[in-house]
């Protein structure tokens, strides 16, 4: 998921995506701990996707605060 796709979403949709990525990250960490994870790069992707969503949420919040003032 790239940032341009995320910018077109509403904050509620972004929060849902964030929950999804956090759950995916948890499941991947659990698989790694039990020795079932084959592709460790998936953890990095999930972590970065979650960070990307948080960045877009923060940008939207800053834009909303700026437009109110």
N, C-alpha and C. Protein backbone atom coordinates (compact mmCIF):
# COMPACT_ATOMS: atom_id res chain seq x y z
N UNK A 1 0.85 -1.17 0.00
CA UNK A 1 0.00 0.00 0.00
C UNK A 1 0.90 1.24 0.00
N UNK A 2 0.64 2.13 -0.94
CA UNK A 2 1.48 3.33 -0.99
C UNK A 2 0.75 4.53 -0.39
N UNK A 3 1.49 5.58 -0.18
CA UNK A 3 0.96 6.75 0.53
C UNK A 3 -0.14 7.44 -0.26
N UNK A 4 -0.07 7.44 -1.58
CA UNK A 4 -1.11 8.10 -2.38
C UNK A 4 -2.45 7.41 -2.20
N UNK A 5 -2.46 6.10 -2.11
CA UNK A 5 -3.72 5.38 -1.86
C UNK A 5 -4.27 5.74 -0.49
N UNK A 6 -3.39 5.87 0.48
CA UNK A 6 -3.82 6.16 1.85
C UNK A 6 -4.36 7.58 1.98
N UNK A 7 -3.82 8.51 1.24
CA UNK A 7 -4.28 9.89 1.34
C UNK A 7 -5.72 10.06 0.88
N UNK A 8 -6.18 9.15 0.02
CA UNK A 8 -7.55 9.22 -0.47
C UNK A 8 -8.57 8.65 0.50
N UNK A 9 -8.12 8.06 1.58
CA UNK A 9 -9.03 7.44 2.54
C UNK A 9 -9.40 8.41 3.66
N UNK A 10 -10.52 8.12 4.30
CA UNK A 10 -10.95 8.93 5.44
C UNK A 10 -10.18 8.50 6.68
N UNK A 11 -10.14 9.34 7.71
CA UNK A 11 -9.45 8.95 8.95
C UNK A 11 -9.99 7.67 9.58
N UNK A 12 -11.29 7.43 9.48
CA UNK A 12 -11.85 6.20 10.03
C UNK A 12 -11.34 4.97 9.28
N UNK A 13 -11.26 5.08 7.96
CA UNK A 13 -10.73 3.98 7.16
C UNK A 13 -9.26 3.76 7.49
N UNK A 14 -8.53 4.84 7.71
CA UNK A 14 -7.11 4.72 8.05
C UNK A 14 -6.92 4.03 9.40
N UNK A 15 -7.79 4.35 10.36
CA UNK A 15 -7.70 3.69 11.66
C UNK A 15 -7.98 2.20 11.55
N UNK A 16 -8.93 1.84 10.69
CA UNK A 16 -9.21 0.41 10.46
C UNK A 16 -8.00 -0.28 9.83
N UNK A 17 -7.37 0.39 8.87
CA UNK A 17 -6.16 -0.16 8.25
C UNK A 17 -5.06 -0.32 9.27
N UNK A 18 -4.94 0.66 10.17
CA UNK A 18 -3.90 0.59 11.19
C UNK A 18 -4.11 -0.63 12.09
N UNK A 19 -5.34 -0.86 12.49
CA UNK A 19 -5.65 -2.03 13.32
C UNK A 19 -5.29 -3.31 12.57
N UNK A 20 -5.61 -3.35 11.30
CA UNK A 20 -5.31 -4.52 10.48
C UNK A 20 -3.80 -4.77 10.41
N UNK A 21 -3.03 -3.72 10.18
CA UNK A 21 -1.58 -3.87 10.09
C UNK A 21 -0.97 -4.26 11.44
N UNK A 22 -1.51 -3.72 12.52
CA UNK A 22 -1.00 -4.08 13.85
C UNK A 22 -1.30 -5.55 14.16
N UNK A 23 -2.49 -6.03 13.78
CA UNK A 23 -2.81 -7.43 13.99
C UNK A 23 -1.91 -8.33 13.15
N UNK A 24 -1.67 -7.91 11.90
CA UNK A 24 -0.79 -8.68 11.03
C UNK A 24 0.62 -8.74 11.62
N UNK A 25 1.08 -7.62 12.14
CA UNK A 25 2.42 -7.57 12.75
C UNK A 25 2.48 -8.50 13.97
N UNK A 26 1.45 -8.49 14.79
CA UNK A 26 1.42 -9.38 15.95
C UNK A 26 1.46 -10.84 15.53
N UNK A 27 0.63 -11.19 14.53
CA UNK A 27 0.59 -12.57 14.07
C UNK A 27 1.94 -13.01 13.49
N UNK A 28 2.59 -12.12 12.78
CA UNK A 28 3.90 -12.44 12.21
C UNK A 28 4.94 -12.64 13.31
N UNK A 29 4.90 -11.79 14.33
CA UNK A 29 5.83 -11.95 15.45
C UNK A 29 5.57 -13.27 16.17
N UNK A 30 4.32 -13.63 16.31
CA UNK A 30 3.97 -14.89 16.95
C UNK A 30 4.48 -16.07 16.13
N UNK A 31 4.32 -16.00 14.81
CA UNK A 31 4.83 -17.06 13.94
C UNK A 31 6.35 -17.17 14.04
N UNK A 32 7.02 -16.03 14.13
CA UNK A 32 8.47 -16.04 14.22
C UNK A 32 8.92 -16.68 15.54
N UNK A 33 8.21 -16.38 16.60
CA UNK A 33 8.57 -16.92 17.91
C UNK A 33 8.39 -18.43 17.96
N UNK A 34 7.41 -18.93 17.22
CA UNK A 34 7.16 -20.37 17.22
C UNK A 34 7.91 -21.09 16.11
N UNK A 35 8.67 -20.35 15.33
CA UNK A 35 9.48 -20.96 14.28
C UNK A 35 8.73 -21.29 13.02
N UNK A 36 7.56 -20.72 12.81
CA UNK A 36 6.75 -21.01 11.63
C UNK A 36 6.91 -19.99 10.51
N UNK A 37 7.56 -18.88 10.79
CA UNK A 37 7.68 -17.81 9.80
C UNK A 37 8.82 -18.12 8.84
N UNK A 38 8.50 -18.13 7.54
CA UNK A 38 9.52 -18.42 6.55
C UNK A 38 10.12 -17.15 5.96
N UNK A 39 9.27 -16.14 5.73
CA UNK A 39 9.74 -14.90 5.11
C UNK A 39 9.75 -13.79 6.16
N UNK A 40 10.90 -13.51 6.72
CA UNK A 40 10.99 -12.52 7.79
C UNK A 40 10.80 -11.09 7.29
N UNK A 41 10.88 -10.88 6.00
CA UNK A 41 10.68 -9.54 5.44
C UNK A 41 9.24 -9.07 5.61
N UNK A 42 8.32 -9.99 5.85
CA UNK A 42 6.92 -9.61 6.04
C UNK A 42 6.75 -8.77 7.29
N UNK A 43 7.55 -9.02 8.32
CA UNK A 43 7.47 -8.24 9.55
C UNK A 43 7.82 -6.79 9.26
N UNK A 44 8.86 -6.60 8.49
CA UNK A 44 9.29 -5.25 8.14
C UNK A 44 8.23 -4.53 7.33
N UNK A 45 7.60 -5.23 6.38
CA UNK A 45 6.54 -4.62 5.58
C UNK A 45 5.36 -4.21 6.44
N UNK A 46 4.95 -5.07 7.35
CA UNK A 46 3.81 -4.76 8.21
C UNK A 46 4.11 -3.57 9.11
N UNK A 47 5.33 -3.53 9.65
CA UNK A 47 5.72 -2.42 10.52
C UNK A 47 5.74 -1.10 9.74
N UNK A 48 6.27 -1.14 8.55
CA UNK A 48 6.35 0.09 7.75
C UNK A 48 4.98 0.53 7.25
N UNK A 49 4.11 -0.42 6.93
CA UNK A 49 2.75 -0.06 6.53
C UNK A 49 2.02 0.63 7.67
N UNK A 50 2.18 0.12 8.88
CA UNK A 50 1.55 0.74 10.05
C UNK A 50 2.10 2.15 10.26
N UNK A 51 3.40 2.31 10.12
CA UNK A 51 4.01 3.62 10.27
C UNK A 51 3.52 4.58 9.19
N UNK A 52 3.35 4.07 8.00
CA UNK A 52 2.87 4.90 6.89
C UNK A 52 1.45 5.39 7.18
N UNK A 53 0.61 4.52 7.69
CA UNK A 53 -0.76 4.92 8.03
C UNK A 53 -0.76 5.97 9.14
N UNK A 54 0.08 5.77 10.15
CA UNK A 54 0.17 6.76 11.23
C UNK A 54 0.64 8.11 10.72
N UNK A 55 1.58 8.11 9.81
CA UNK A 55 2.08 9.36 9.24
C UNK A 55 0.97 10.10 8.51
N UNK A 56 0.21 9.40 7.70
CA UNK A 56 -0.89 10.03 6.96
C UNK A 56 -1.95 10.55 7.93
N UNK A 57 -2.26 9.77 8.98
CA UNK A 57 -3.23 10.24 9.98
C UNK A 57 -2.75 11.53 10.64
N UNK A 58 -1.48 11.57 11.00
CA UNK A 58 -0.94 12.78 11.62
C UNK A 58 -0.95 13.96 10.67
N UNK A 59 -0.68 13.73 9.40
CA UNK A 59 -0.72 14.81 8.41
C UNK A 59 -2.14 15.34 8.26
N UNK A 60 -3.11 14.43 8.23
CA UNK A 60 -4.51 14.86 8.11
C UNK A 60 -4.95 15.65 9.33
N UNK A 61 -4.51 15.23 10.51
CA UNK A 61 -4.85 15.94 11.75
C UNK A 61 -4.22 17.34 11.75
N UNK A 62 -2.98 17.44 11.29
CA UNK A 62 -2.31 18.74 11.24
C UNK A 62 -3.00 19.66 10.23
N UNK A 63 -3.40 19.12 9.09
CA UNK A 63 -4.10 19.92 8.10
C UNK A 63 -5.44 20.41 8.64
N UNK A 64 -6.15 19.55 9.37
CA UNK A 64 -7.44 19.95 9.94
C UNK A 64 -7.26 21.02 10.99
N UNK A 65 -6.22 20.90 11.81
CA UNK A 65 -5.97 21.91 12.84
C UNK A 65 -5.56 23.24 12.21
N UNK A 66 -4.82 23.15 11.12
CA UNK A 66 -4.37 24.36 10.44
C UNK A 66 -5.56 25.08 9.78
N UNK A 67 -6.48 24.33 9.23
CA UNK A 67 -7.62 24.94 8.55
C UNK A 67 -8.62 25.55 9.56
N UNK A 68 -8.64 25.03 10.80
CA UNK A 68 -9.53 25.58 11.82
C UNK A 68 -9.01 26.91 12.36
N UNK A 69 -7.71 27.05 12.38
CA UNK A 69 -7.12 28.26 12.97
C UNK A 69 -7.13 29.43 12.03
